[in-house]
Amino acid sequence: MATASRTVHSTAIAAQLEEEIVTGRLNAGSRLDEASLTKRFGVSRTPVREALHTLVSRSLAERIPFRGVIVVDTTPERVEQMFEAMGEMEALCGRLASERMKMRERTQLEEYVSRLGAISAQGDAEGYEIANAQFHELIYAGAHNKDLEEVSTALRLKLAPFRKSQLRSTERMHRSNEEHAVIVAAILDRDPEGAARALRRHLVSAAREVLRGLREGTGQTAEKGLKGD
C-alpha cells in the first residue's frame, strides 16, 4: 500500500513539474531542489526523487554534478525533432500492424474510435488523453515487434507533456479522432502504406498544434521542417 501511495505521489509531482516546464513557469536553468520540493508537496524525499528521475528520463531536466537536477532548454526545434522521430516510428508501427494485427486487435482498435468520439463530445480532455494514449499503444502492440513497441512507447512518454496542451480543446480532440478513423480504416483494409501515411500525417498535425503554442510563447513563427506525405 505504501509503495502504491508513493507511486501516486511521484506521478502527480512529475506531472505538475512537467506542466510548469512546458508552460514556461519553470525556466530553463532552474534548479529543482529536493528539499524545497519535499516541503512544497508535503511528501518525503523518495517520491520527489522518483519524480525528478521521470523528468530526466523525458529530457525535461538533466543531472549536473555539484548542481543537482536542472531544467533543460527545450526549444521548439528540439520538440519538432522529437515529433519527426515519433512520426516515423508510428508510421512503421502502423505499416506492420496493418499486416500483423489479429482480428481481435483490429476490433479493439475500431472500438477505440467510437470511445474517443464519445469522450471528445463530452469535452473530457483528461479522459481523451488517457484513451488516446491507449489507442496508440494498441497500434504499437499490433506491430508484434517488442523492440519497436518499447522504443515507440519511450519516445511517446517523452512527448507526453507537450501533447497534453494540444488536446485541451474540443475542436482539436474532434479533429484528432477524425484522423484516428483514417488510420483505423487503412489498418482494417490491410493497407500498410496508407496506414503509415495516415499516422505520419496525424503526428504532423499534432506537432503543428504544439509548436504553434511554443513559438507563440517565444515569438517565433511557422514550423519549418514538418511535412506530411
C-alpha atoms as a PDB file:
ATOM      1  CA  MET A   1       0.000   0.000   0.000  1.00  0.00           C
ATOM      2  CA  ALA A   2       2.838   2.373   0.882  1.00  0.00           C
ATOM      3  CA  THR A   3       4.510   1.686  -2.468  1.00  0.00           C
ATOM      4  CA  ALA A   4       1.286   2.398  -4.385  1.00  0.00           C
ATOM      5  CA  SER A   5       0.783   5.654  -2.470  1.00  0.00           C
ATOM      6  CA  ARG A   6       4.358   6.717  -3.162  1.00  0.00           C
ATOM      7  CA  THR A   7       3.894   6.000  -6.873  1.00  0.00           C
ATOM      8  CA  VAL A   8       0.773   8.171  -6.977  1.00  0.00           C
ATOM      9  CA  HIS A   9       2.668  10.963  -5.232  1.00  0.00           C
ATOM     10  CA  SER A  10       5.661  10.755  -7.583  1.00  0.00           C
ATOM     11  CA  THR A  11       3.440  10.622 -10.684  1.00  0.00           C
ATOM     12  CA  ALA A  12       1.433  13.649  -9.557  1.00  0.00           C
ATOM     13  CA  ILE A  13       4.577  15.602  -8.688  1.00  0.00           C
ATOM     14  CA  ALA A  14       6.180  14.766 -12.044  1.00  0.00           C
ATOM     15  CA  ALA A  15       3.007  15.791 -13.913  1.00  0.00           C
ATOM     16  CA  GLN A  16       2.860  19.133 -12.090  1.00  0.00           C
ATOM     17  CA  LEU A  17       6.523  19.916 -12.735  1.00  0.00           C
ATOM     18  CA  GLU A  18       6.210  18.839 -16.380  1.00  0.00           C
ATOM     19  CA  GLU A  19       3.343  21.274 -16.903  1.00  0.00           C
ATOM     20  CA  GLU A  20       5.309  24.093 -15.268  1.00  0.00           C
ATOM     21  CA  ILE A  21       8.307  23.405 -17.511  1.00  0.00           C
ATOM     22  CA  VAL A  22       6.268  23.160 -20.723  1.00  0.00           C
ATOM     23  CA  THR A  23       4.290  26.329 -19.952  1.00  0.00           C
ATOM     24  CA  GLY A  24       7.427  28.259 -19.016  1.00  0.00           C
ATOM     25  CA  ARG A  25       6.616  28.733 -15.340  1.00  0.00           C
ATOM     26  CA  LEU A  26       9.826  26.842 -14.600  1.00  0.00           C
ATOM     27  CA  ASN A  27      12.504  28.402 -16.772  1.00  0.00           C
ATOM     28  CA  ALA A  28      15.464  26.659 -18.368  1.00  0.00           C
ATOM     29  CA  GLY A  29      18.332  26.604 -15.893  1.00  0.00           C
ATOM     30  CA  SER A  30      16.068  26.451 -12.847  1.00  0.00           C
ATOM     31  CA  ARG A  31      17.356  24.115 -10.156  1.00  0.00           C
ATOM     32  CA  LEU A  32      14.875  21.508  -8.931  1.00  0.00           C
ATOM     33  CA  ASP A  33      15.904  21.264  -5.307  1.00  0.00           C
ATOM     34  CA  GLU A  34      14.829  18.089  -3.495  1.00  0.00           C
ATOM     35  CA  ALA A  35      14.421  19.747  -0.117  1.00  0.00           C
ATOM     36  CA  SER A  36      12.319  22.610  -1.499  1.00  0.00           C
ATOM     37  CA  LEU A  37      10.098  20.256  -3.489  1.00  0.00           C
ATOM     38  CA  THR A  38       9.665  17.957  -0.486  1.00  0.00           C
ATOM     39  CA  LYS A  39       8.421  20.916   1.523  1.00  0.00           C
ATOM     40  CA  ARG A  40       6.249  22.245  -1.313  1.00  0.00           C
ATOM     41  CA  PHE A  41       4.424  18.962  -1.945  1.00  0.00           C
ATOM     42  CA  GLY A  42       4.377  17.783   1.655  1.00  0.00           C
ATOM     43  CA  VAL A  43       5.991  14.418   0.924  1.00  0.00           C
ATOM     44  CA  SER A  44       9.186  12.548   1.761  1.00  0.00           C
ATOM     45  CA  ARG A  45      12.277  12.738  -0.431  1.00  0.00           C
ATOM     46  CA  THR A  46      11.613   9.372  -2.111  1.00  0.00           C
ATOM     47  CA  PRO A  47       8.634  10.395  -4.308  1.00  0.00           C
ATOM     48  CA  VAL A  48      10.401  13.659  -5.142  1.00  0.00           C
ATOM     49  CA  ARG A  49      13.480  11.743  -6.284  1.00  0.00           C
ATOM     50  CA  GLU A  50      11.293   9.448  -8.386  1.00  0.00           C
ATOM     51  CA  ALA A  51       9.553  12.457  -9.952  1.00  0.00           C
ATOM     52  CA  LEU A  52      12.899  14.062 -10.787  1.00  0.00           C
ATOM     53  CA  HIS A  53      14.065  10.786 -12.321  1.00  0.00           C
ATOM     54  CA  THR A  54      10.964  10.883 -14.547  1.00  0.00           C
ATOM     55  CA  LEU A  55      11.762  14.437 -15.681  1.00  0.00           C
ATOM     56  CA  VAL A  56      15.341  13.465 -16.511  1.00  0.00           C
ATOM     57  CA  SER A  57      14.199  10.350 -18.421  1.00  0.00           C
ATOM     58  CA  ARG A  58      11.891  12.546 -20.516  1.00  0.00           C
ATOM     59  CA  SER A  59      14.687  15.032 -21.297  1.00  0.00           C
ATOM     60  CA  LEU A  60      12.934  17.875 -19.479  1.00  0.00           C
ATOM     61  CA  ALA A  61      15.739  18.113 -16.928  1.00  0.00           C
ATOM     62  CA  GLU A  62      19.299  16.891 -16.505  1.00  0.00           C
ATOM     63  CA  ARG A  63      21.543  15.951 -13.595  1.00  0.00           C
ATOM     64  CA  ILE A  64      24.642  18.121 -13.404  1.00  0.00           C
ATOM     65  CA  PRO A  65      27.477  17.230 -10.984  1.00  0.00           C
ATOM     66  CA  PHE A  66      27.589  19.511  -7.935  1.00  0.00           C
ATOM     67  CA  ARG A  67      24.465  21.364  -9.093  1.00  0.00           C
ATOM     68  CA  GLY A  68      21.728  18.755  -8.996  1.00  0.00           C
ATOM     69  CA  VAL A  69      18.733  18.478 -11.319  1.00  0.00           C
ATOM     70  CA  ILE A  70      18.390  21.426 -13.699  1.00  0.00           C
ATOM     71  CA  VAL A  71      15.558  22.264 -16.133  1.00  0.00           C
ATOM     72  CA  VAL A  72      16.839  21.999 -19.707  1.00  0.00           C
ATOM     73  CA  ASP A  73      16.165  24.447 -22.512  1.00  0.00           C
ATOM     74  CA  THR A  74      13.618  22.516 -24.596  1.00  0.00           C
ATOM     75  CA  THR A  75      13.427  24.606 -27.753  1.00  0.00           C
ATOM     76  CA  PRO A  76      10.678  24.337 -30.377  1.00  0.00           C
ATOM     77  CA  GLU A  77      13.317  22.909 -32.728  1.00  0.00           C
ATOM     78  CA  ARG A  78      14.070  20.094 -30.276  1.00  0.00           C
ATOM     79  CA  VAL A  79      10.368  19.307 -29.859  1.00  0.00           C
ATOM     80  CA  GLU A  80       9.972  19.323 -33.642  1.00  0.00           C
ATOM     81  CA  GLN A  81      12.762  16.759 -33.945  1.00  0.00           C
ATOM     82  CA  MET A  82      11.065  14.513 -31.382  1.00  0.00           C
ATOM     83  CA  PHE A  83       7.765  14.713 -33.271  1.00  0.00           C
ATOM     84  CA  GLU A  84       9.565  13.950 -36.525  1.00  0.00           C
ATOM     85  CA  ALA A  85      11.090  10.823 -34.975  1.00  0.00           C
ATOM     86  CA  MET A  86       7.761   9.844 -33.422  1.00  0.00           C
ATOM     87  CA  GLY A  87       6.023  10.237 -36.767  1.00  0.00           C
ATOM     88  CA  GLU A  88       8.436   7.820 -38.412  1.00  0.00           C
ATOM     89  CA  MET A  89       8.212   5.322 -35.541  1.00  0.00           C
ATOM     90  CA  GLU A  90       4.418   5.370 -35.580  1.00  0.00           C
ATOM     91  CA  ALA A  91       4.353   5.099 -39.369  1.00  0.00           C
ATOM     92  CA  LEU A  92       6.437   1.933 -39.116  1.00  0.00           C
ATOM     93  CA  CYS A  93       4.201   0.563 -36.345  1.00  0.00           C
ATOM     94  CA  GLY A  94       1.123   1.257 -38.463  1.00  0.00           C
ATOM     95  CA  ARG A  95       2.638  -0.368 -41.522  1.00  0.00           C
ATOM     96  CA  LEU A  96       3.414  -3.562 -39.595  1.00  0.00           C
ATOM     97  CA  ALA A  97       0.154  -3.511 -37.630  1.00  0.00           C
ATOM     98  CA  SER A  98      -1.878  -3.407 -40.841  1.00  0.00           C
ATOM     99  CA  GLU A  99      -0.267  -6.692 -41.841  1.00  0.00           C
ATOM    100  CA  ARG A 100       0.120  -8.418 -38.469  1.00  0.00           C
ATOM    101  CA  MET A 101      -2.801  -7.435 -36.237  1.00  0.00           C
ATOM    102  CA  LYS A 102      -5.116 -10.262 -35.187  1.00  0.00           C
ATOM    103  CA  MET A 103      -8.843  -9.866 -35.733  1.00  0.00           C
ATOM    104  CA  ARG A 104      -9.416  -9.273 -32.011  1.00  0.00           C
ATOM    105  CA  GLU A 105      -6.873  -6.440 -32.049  1.00  0.00           C
ATOM    106  CA  ARG A 106      -8.453  -4.877 -35.127  1.00  0.00           C
ATOM    107  CA  THR A 107     -11.887  -4.953 -33.493  1.00  0.00           C
ATOM    108  CA  GLN A 108     -10.497  -3.368 -30.332  1.00  0.00           C
ATOM    109  CA  LEU A 109      -8.809  -0.617 -32.344  1.00  0.00           C
ATOM    110  CA  GLU A 110     -12.047   0.152 -34.179  1.00  0.00           C
ATOM    111  CA  GLU A 111     -13.932   0.335 -30.870  1.00  0.00           C
ATOM    112  CA  TYR A 112     -11.497   2.953 -29.614  1.00  0.00           C
ATOM    113  CA  VAL A 113     -12.522   5.373 -32.356  1.00  0.00           C
ATOM    114  CA  SER A 114     -16.118   5.256 -31.071  1.00  0.00           C
ATOM    115  CA  ARG A 115     -14.938   5.570 -27.476  1.00  0.00           C
ATOM    116  CA  LEU A 116     -12.719   8.552 -28.261  1.00  0.00           C
ATOM    117  CA  GLY A 117     -15.548  10.177 -30.213  1.00  0.00           C
ATOM    118  CA  ALA A 118     -17.843   9.948 -27.192  1.00  0.00           C
ATOM    119  CA  ILE A 119     -15.160  11.332 -24.890  1.00  0.00           C
ATOM    120  CA  SER A 120     -14.397  14.271 -27.195  1.00  0.00           C
ATOM    121  CA  ALA A 121     -18.127  15.067 -27.448  1.00  0.00           C
ATOM    122  CA  GLN A 122     -18.161  15.410 -23.658  1.00  0.00           C
ATOM    123  CA  GLY A 123     -15.167  17.747 -23.779  1.00  0.00           C
ATOM    124  CA  ASP A 124     -13.280  15.476 -21.374  1.00  0.00           C
ATOM    125  CA  ALA A 125      -9.671  16.411 -22.164  1.00  0.00           C
ATOM    126  CA  GLU A 126      -8.167  14.270 -19.409  1.00  0.00           C
ATOM    127  CA  GLY A 127     -10.198  11.217 -20.419  1.00  0.00           C
ATOM    128  CA  TYR A 128      -9.309  11.769 -24.074  1.00  0.00           C
ATOM    129  CA  GLU A 129      -5.619  11.990 -23.268  1.00  0.00           C
ATOM    130  CA  ILE A 130      -5.713   8.618 -21.481  1.00  0.00           C
ATOM    131  CA  ALA A 131      -7.777   6.840 -24.156  1.00  0.00           C
ATOM    132  CA  ASN A 132      -5.695   8.431 -26.921  1.00  0.00           C
ATOM    133  CA  ALA A 133      -2.513   7.004 -25.411  1.00  0.00           C
ATOM    134  CA  GLN A 134      -4.161   3.582 -25.193  1.00  0.00           C
ATOM    135  CA  PHE A 135      -5.221   3.824 -28.852  1.00  0.00           C
ATOM    136  CA  HIS A 136      -1.663   4.451 -29.990  1.00  0.00           C
ATOM    137  CA  GLU A 137      -0.321   1.727 -27.684  1.00  0.00           C
ATOM    138  CA  LEU A 138      -2.677  -0.748 -29.390  1.00  0.00           C
ATOM    139  CA  ILE A 139      -1.006   0.080 -32.699  1.00  0.00           C
ATOM    140  CA  TYR A 140       2.479  -0.361 -31.198  1.00  0.00           C
ATOM    141  CA  ALA A 141       1.457  -3.745 -29.784  1.00  0.00           C
ATOM    142  CA  GLY A 142      -0.229  -4.651 -33.071  1.00  0.00           C
ATOM    143  CA  ALA A 143       3.098  -4.365 -34.886  1.00  0.00           C
ATOM    144  CA  HIS A 144       4.124  -7.501 -32.965  1.00  0.00           C
ATOM    145  CA  ASN A 145       7.696  -6.319 -32.562  1.00  0.00           C
ATOM    146  CA  LYS A 146       8.703  -5.898 -28.911  1.00  0.00           C
ATOM    147  CA  ASP A 147      11.714  -3.689 -29.572  1.00  0.00           C
ATOM    148  CA  LEU A 148       9.726  -1.345 -31.790  1.00  0.00           C
ATOM    149  CA  GLU A 149       6.933  -1.243 -29.207  1.00  0.00           C
ATOM    150  CA  GLU A 150       9.358  -0.348 -26.403  1.00  0.00           C
ATOM    151  CA  VAL A 151      11.143   2.376 -28.373  1.00  0.00           C
ATOM    152  CA  SER A 152       7.848   3.903 -29.557  1.00  0.00           C
ATOM    153  CA  THR A 153       6.405   3.906 -26.041  1.00  0.00           C
ATOM    154  CA  ALA A 154       9.532   5.525 -24.595  1.00  0.00           C
ATOM    155  CA  LEU A 155       9.505   8.305 -27.192  1.00  0.00           C
ATOM    156  CA  ARG A 156       5.794   8.850 -26.703  1.00  0.00           C
ATOM    157  CA  LEU A 157       6.372   9.323 -22.963  1.00  0.00           C
ATOM    158  CA  LYS A 158       8.996  11.967 -23.739  1.00  0.00           C
ATOM    159  CA  LEU A 159       6.469  13.865 -25.845  1.00  0.00           C
ATOM    160  CA  ALA A 160       3.542  13.375 -23.457  1.00  0.00           C
ATOM    161  CA  PRO A 161       3.958  16.680 -21.558  1.00  0.00           C
ATOM    162  CA  PHE A 162       3.875  18.632 -24.830  1.00  0.00           C
ATOM    163  CA  ARG A 163       0.990  16.668 -26.344  1.00  0.00           C
ATOM    164  CA  LYS A 164      -1.286  17.427 -23.405  1.00  0.00           C
ATOM    165  CA  SER A 165      -1.585  21.058 -24.453  1.00  0.00           C
ATOM    166  CA  GLN A 166      -2.820  20.300 -27.992  1.00  0.00           C
ATOM    167  CA  LEU A 167      -5.623  18.021 -26.762  1.00  0.00           C
ATOM    168  CA  ARG A 168      -7.275  20.522 -24.447  1.00  0.00           C
ATOM    169  CA  SER A 169      -9.702  21.955 -26.987  1.00  0.00           C
ATOM    170  CA  THR A 170     -12.842  20.125 -28.113  1.00  0.00           C
ATOM    171  CA  GLU A 171     -12.095  21.106 -31.712  1.00  0.00           C
ATOM    172  CA  ARG A 172      -8.638  19.515 -31.619  1.00  0.00           C
ATOM    173  CA  MET A 173      -9.982  16.370 -29.926  1.00  0.00           C
ATOM    174  CA  HIS A 174     -12.616  16.032 -32.644  1.00  0.00           C
ATOM    175  CA  ARG A 175     -10.065  16.564 -35.422  1.00  0.00           C
ATOM    176  CA  SER A 176      -7.667  14.140 -33.767  1.00  0.00           C
ATOM    177  CA  ASN A 177     -10.291  11.407 -33.733  1.00  0.00           C
ATOM    178  CA  GLU A 178     -11.189  12.033 -37.368  1.00  0.00           C
ATOM    179  CA  GLU A 179      -7.533  11.319 -38.087  1.00  0.00           C
ATOM    180  CA  HIS A 180      -7.797   8.163 -35.967  1.00  0.00           C
ATOM    181  CA  ALA A 181     -10.675   6.963 -38.151  1.00  0.00           C
ATOM    182  CA  VAL A 182      -8.490   7.306 -41.258  1.00  0.00           C
ATOM    183  CA  ILE A 183      -5.691   5.368 -39.546  1.00  0.00           C
ATOM    184  CA  VAL A 184      -8.027   2.559 -38.486  1.00  0.00           C
ATOM    185  CA  ALA A 185      -9.616   2.334 -41.942  1.00  0.00           C
ATOM    186  CA  ALA A 186      -6.188   1.780 -43.503  1.00  0.00           C
ATOM    187  CA  ILE A 187      -5.243  -0.842 -40.914  1.00  0.00           C
ATOM    188  CA  LEU A 188      -8.552  -2.685 -41.345  1.00  0.00           C
ATOM    189  CA  ASP A 189      -8.052  -2.594 -45.128  1.00  0.00           C
ATOM    190  CA  ARG A 190      -4.582  -4.118 -44.605  1.00  0.00           C
ATOM    191  CA  ASP A 191      -3.100  -1.139 -46.422  1.00  0.00           C
ATOM    192  CA  PRO A 192       0.430  -0.730 -44.987  1.00  0.00           C
ATOM    193  CA  GLU A 193       1.359   2.392 -46.940  1.00  0.00           C
ATOM    194  CA  GLY A 194      -1.993   4.022 -46.222  1.00  0.00           C
ATOM    195  CA  ALA A 195      -1.615   3.296 -42.505  1.00  0.00           C
ATOM    196  CA  ALA A 196       1.926   4.669 -42.442  1.00  0.00           C
ATOM    197  CA  ARG A 197       0.873   7.798 -44.316  1.00  0.00           C
ATOM    198  CA  ALA A 198      -2.145   8.399 -42.046  1.00  0.00           C
ATOM    199  CA  LEU A 199      -0.084   8.033 -38.866  1.00  0.00           C
ATOM    200  CA  ARG A 200       2.658  10.311 -40.144  1.00  0.00           C
ATOM    201  CA  ARG A 201       0.075  12.972 -41.028  1.00  0.00           C
ATOM    202  CA  HIS A 202      -1.547  12.531 -37.614  1.00  0.00           C
ATOM    203  CA  LEU A 203       1.753  13.269 -35.874  1.00  0.00           C
ATOM    204  CA  VAL A 204       2.427  16.248 -38.146  1.00  0.00           C
ATOM    205  CA  SER A 205      -0.998  17.626 -37.246  1.00  0.00           C
ATOM    206  CA  ALA A 206      -0.326  17.199 -33.520  1.00  0.00           C
ATOM    207  CA  ALA A 207       3.139  18.712 -33.843  1.00  0.00           C
ATOM    208  CA  ARG A 208       1.834  21.818 -35.578  1.00  0.00           C
ATOM    209  CA  GLU A 209      -0.574  22.475 -32.715  1.00  0.00           C
ATOM    210  CA  VAL A 210       2.156  22.042 -30.100  1.00  0.00           C
ATOM    211  CA  LEU A 211       4.751  24.078 -31.984  1.00  0.00           C
ATOM    212  CA  ARG A 212       2.295  26.879 -32.616  1.00  0.00           C
ATOM    213  CA  GLY A 213       1.857  27.258 -28.878  1.00  0.00           C
ATOM    214  CA  LEU A 214       5.576  27.019 -28.155  1.00  0.00           C
ATOM    215  CA  ARG A 215       6.537  29.513 -30.837  1.00  0.00           C
ATOM    216  CA  GLU A 216       3.876  31.976 -29.793  1.00  0.00           C
ATOM    217  CA  GLY A 217       5.498  31.872 -26.382  1.00  0.00           C
ATOM    218  CA  THR A 218       8.968  32.527 -27.793  1.00  0.00           C
ATOM    219  CA  GLY A 219       7.978  34.967 -30.538  1.00  0.00           C
ATOM    220  CA  GLN A 220       8.926  32.556 -33.320  1.00  0.00           C
ATOM    221  CA  THR A 221       6.780  31.784 -36.331  1.00  0.00           C
ATOM    222  CA  ALA A 222       5.816  28.917 -38.587  1.00  0.00           C
ATOM    223  CA  GLU A 223       7.002  25.328 -38.385  1.00  0.00           C
ATOM    224  CA  LYS A 224       9.962  24.785 -40.655  1.00  0.00           C
ATOM    225  CA  GLY A 225      10.532  21.089 -41.179  1.00  0.00           C
ATOM    226  CA  LEU A 226       7.227  19.315 -40.714  1.00  0.00           C
ATOM    227  CA  LYS A 227       5.835  17.627 -43.776  1.00  0.00           C
ATOM    228  CA  GLY A 228       3.125  15.072 -44.358  1.00  0.00           C
ATOM    229  CA  ASP A 229       3.043  12.676 -47.297  1.00  0.00           C
END
